Amino acid sequence: MSGHWLGFVAATLTTVAFVPQALKTLRSRDTRGICLGMYVVFTVGLCFWLAYGSCSARGR
C-alpha cells in the first residue's frame, strides 16, 4: 500500500483543523478564546504530514 493515503489524511486534517476555531469565534463573537480542538486536529495532521514525508522519502 502506498503512503498517499497519509498525505490525503494530513491535508484533510490540517485544512479542517481551523473549522472548530472559526465556529467558536462566530458563535461567541470573541476572538480571545483558544479552541483546543483546533490545535489537536492540526497537530495530528502535522504528524500525518511527517509520516507521509517519511514514506515518500523511502519511495513507498
N, C-alpha and C. Protein backbone atom coordinates (compact mmCIF):
# COMPACT_ATOMS: atom_id res chain seq x y z
N MET A 1 0.85 -1.18 0.00
CA MET A 1 0.00 0.00 0.00
C MET A 1 0.90 1.25 0.00
N SER A 2 0.54 2.22 -0.81
CA SER A 2 1.33 3.44 -0.89
C SER A 2 1.00 4.38 0.26
N GLY A 3 1.88 5.32 0.48
CA GLY A 3 1.68 6.28 1.55
C GLY A 3 0.82 7.47 1.15
N HIS A 4 0.21 7.40 -0.03
CA HIS A 4 -0.60 8.53 -0.49
C HIS A 4 -1.79 8.80 0.42
N TRP A 5 -2.30 7.76 1.07
CA TRP A 5 -3.43 7.97 1.97
C TRP A 5 -3.00 8.81 3.17
N LEU A 6 -1.73 8.71 3.57
CA LEU A 6 -1.22 9.56 4.66
C LEU A 6 -1.27 11.03 4.26
N GLY A 7 -0.91 11.31 3.03
CA GLY A 7 -0.97 12.69 2.53
C GLY A 7 -2.39 13.20 2.47
N PHE A 8 -3.32 12.33 2.06
CA PHE A 8 -4.72 12.73 1.99
C PHE A 8 -5.26 13.05 3.39
N VAL A 9 -4.96 12.18 4.35
CA VAL A 9 -5.43 12.41 5.72
C VAL A 9 -4.79 13.67 6.29
N ALA A 10 -3.50 13.86 6.05
CA ALA A 10 -2.79 15.04 6.54
C ALA A 10 -3.39 16.32 5.97
N ALA A 11 -3.63 16.33 4.68
CA ALA A 11 -4.21 17.52 4.04
C ALA A 11 -5.60 17.81 4.58
N THR A 12 -6.38 16.76 4.77
CA THR A 12 -7.74 16.93 5.29
C THR A 12 -7.71 17.48 6.71
N LEU A 13 -6.91 16.88 7.57
CA LEU A 13 -6.87 17.30 8.97
C LEU A 13 -6.33 18.72 9.14
N THR A 14 -5.27 19.06 8.43
CA THR A 14 -4.71 20.40 8.59
C THR A 14 -5.61 21.47 8.00
N THR A 15 -6.42 21.11 7.02
CA THR A 15 -7.38 22.06 6.46
C THR A 15 -8.60 22.21 7.35
N VAL A 16 -9.12 21.08 7.83
CA VAL A 16 -10.33 21.08 8.65
C VAL A 16 -10.05 21.57 10.08
N ALA A 17 -8.79 21.59 10.48
CA ALA A 17 -8.45 21.95 11.85
C ALA A 17 -8.95 23.33 12.24
N PHE A 18 -9.08 24.21 11.29
CA PHE A 18 -9.48 25.58 11.61
C PHE A 18 -10.99 25.75 11.73
N VAL A 19 -11.76 24.74 11.38
CA VAL A 19 -13.22 24.82 11.46
C VAL A 19 -13.70 25.01 12.90
N PRO A 20 -13.23 24.23 13.88
CA PRO A 20 -13.70 24.44 15.25
C PRO A 20 -13.44 25.86 15.76
N GLN A 21 -12.27 26.41 15.45
CA GLN A 21 -11.95 27.78 15.90
C GLN A 21 -12.85 28.79 15.21
N ALA A 22 -13.08 28.61 13.92
CA ALA A 22 -13.95 29.54 13.20
C ALA A 22 -15.37 29.49 13.74
N LEU A 23 -15.90 28.30 14.00
CA LEU A 23 -17.25 28.18 14.55
C LEU A 23 -17.35 28.80 15.94
N LYS A 24 -16.36 28.55 16.77
CA LYS A 24 -16.36 29.12 18.11
C LYS A 24 -16.32 30.64 18.06
N THR A 25 -15.52 31.18 17.18
CA THR A 25 -15.41 32.63 17.04
C THR A 25 -16.72 33.23 16.52
N LEU A 26 -17.32 32.57 15.54
CA LEU A 26 -18.59 33.07 15.00
C LEU A 26 -19.70 33.03 16.04
N ARG A 27 -19.75 31.97 16.84
CA ARG A 27 -20.81 31.83 17.84
C ARG A 27 -20.63 32.79 19.00
N SER A 28 -19.42 32.93 19.47
CA SER A 28 -19.17 33.75 20.66
C SER A 28 -18.85 35.21 20.32
N ARG A 29 -18.48 35.45 19.09
CA ARG A 29 -18.04 36.78 18.65
C ARG A 29 -16.88 37.28 19.51
N ASP A 30 -16.09 36.33 19.99
CA ASP A 30 -14.95 36.64 20.83
C ASP A 30 -13.72 35.94 20.27
N THR A 31 -12.73 36.69 19.89
CA THR A 31 -11.53 36.10 19.29
C THR A 31 -10.44 35.82 20.33
N ARG A 32 -10.72 36.11 21.59
CA ARG A 32 -9.71 35.88 22.63
C ARG A 32 -9.63 34.41 23.04
N GLY A 33 -10.71 33.67 22.83
CA GLY A 33 -10.72 32.26 23.24
C GLY A 33 -9.88 31.38 22.33
N ILE A 34 -9.29 30.39 22.91
CA ILE A 34 -8.48 29.44 22.15
C ILE A 34 -9.21 28.11 22.14
N CYS A 35 -9.39 27.55 20.96
CA CYS A 35 -10.09 26.28 20.81
C CYS A 35 -9.07 25.14 20.79
N LEU A 36 -9.08 24.33 21.84
CA LEU A 36 -8.15 23.21 21.94
C LEU A 36 -8.34 22.22 20.80
N GLY A 37 -9.58 22.03 20.36
CA GLY A 37 -9.85 21.08 19.28
C GLY A 37 -9.07 21.40 18.01
N MET A 38 -8.96 22.67 17.70
CA MET A 38 -8.23 23.08 16.50
C MET A 38 -6.77 22.65 16.59
N TYR A 39 -6.16 22.91 17.73
CA TYR A 39 -4.75 22.57 17.88
C TYR A 39 -4.51 21.07 17.90
N VAL A 40 -5.43 20.32 18.47
CA VAL A 40 -5.30 18.86 18.49
C VAL A 40 -5.38 18.31 17.06
N VAL A 41 -6.40 18.71 16.32
CA VAL A 41 -6.57 18.22 14.95
C VAL A 41 -5.41 18.67 14.08
N PHE A 42 -4.97 19.90 14.24
CA PHE A 42 -3.86 20.41 13.44
C PHE A 42 -2.57 19.65 13.75
N THR A 43 -2.31 19.36 15.02
CA THR A 43 -1.11 18.62 15.40
C THR A 43 -1.14 17.20 14.86
N VAL A 44 -2.29 16.54 14.92
CA VAL A 44 -2.43 15.20 14.36
C VAL A 44 -2.18 15.25 12.85
N GLY A 45 -2.72 16.26 12.20
CA GLY A 45 -2.50 16.43 10.76
C GLY A 45 -1.02 16.61 10.44
N LEU A 46 -0.31 17.38 11.26
CA LEU A 46 1.12 17.56 11.04
C LEU A 46 1.88 16.25 11.22
N CYS A 47 1.44 15.44 12.16
CA CYS A 47 2.07 14.12 12.34
C CYS A 47 1.86 13.25 11.10
N PHE A 48 0.68 13.34 10.49
CA PHE A 48 0.43 12.60 9.26
C PHE A 48 1.31 13.13 8.12
N TRP A 49 1.53 14.45 8.06
CA TRP A 49 2.43 15.00 7.05
C TRP A 49 3.83 14.46 7.25
N LEU A 50 4.27 14.37 8.49
CA LEU A 50 5.59 13.83 8.78
C LEU A 50 5.69 12.37 8.33
N ALA A 51 4.67 11.58 8.63
CA ALA A 51 4.64 10.17 8.21
C ALA A 51 4.61 10.06 6.69
N TYR A 52 3.84 10.91 6.04
CA TYR A 52 3.76 10.91 4.58
C TYR A 52 5.12 11.24 3.95
N GLY A 53 5.76 12.26 4.52
CA GLY A 53 7.09 12.64 4.02
C GLY A 53 8.10 11.52 4.21
N SER A 54 8.00 10.85 5.34
CA SER A 54 8.91 9.72 5.62
C SER A 54 8.69 8.59 4.62
N CYS A 55 7.43 8.26 4.35
CA CYS A 55 7.12 7.21 3.37
C CYS A 55 7.54 7.61 1.97
N SER A 56 7.32 8.87 1.63
CA SER A 56 7.68 9.35 0.29
C SER A 56 9.19 9.33 0.09
N ALA A 57 9.93 9.65 1.15
CA ALA A 57 11.39 9.68 1.05
C ALA A 57 11.94 8.28 0.84
N ARG A 58 11.25 7.28 1.33
CA ARG A 58 11.69 5.90 1.16
C ARG A 58 11.19 5.30 -0.15
N GLY A 59 10.38 6.05 -0.89
CA GLY A 59 9.89 5.57 -2.16
C GLY A 59 8.72 4.62 -2.06
N ARG A 60 7.94 4.71 -1.01
CA ARG A 60 6.79 3.81 -0.85
C ARG A 60 5.54 4.45 -1.32
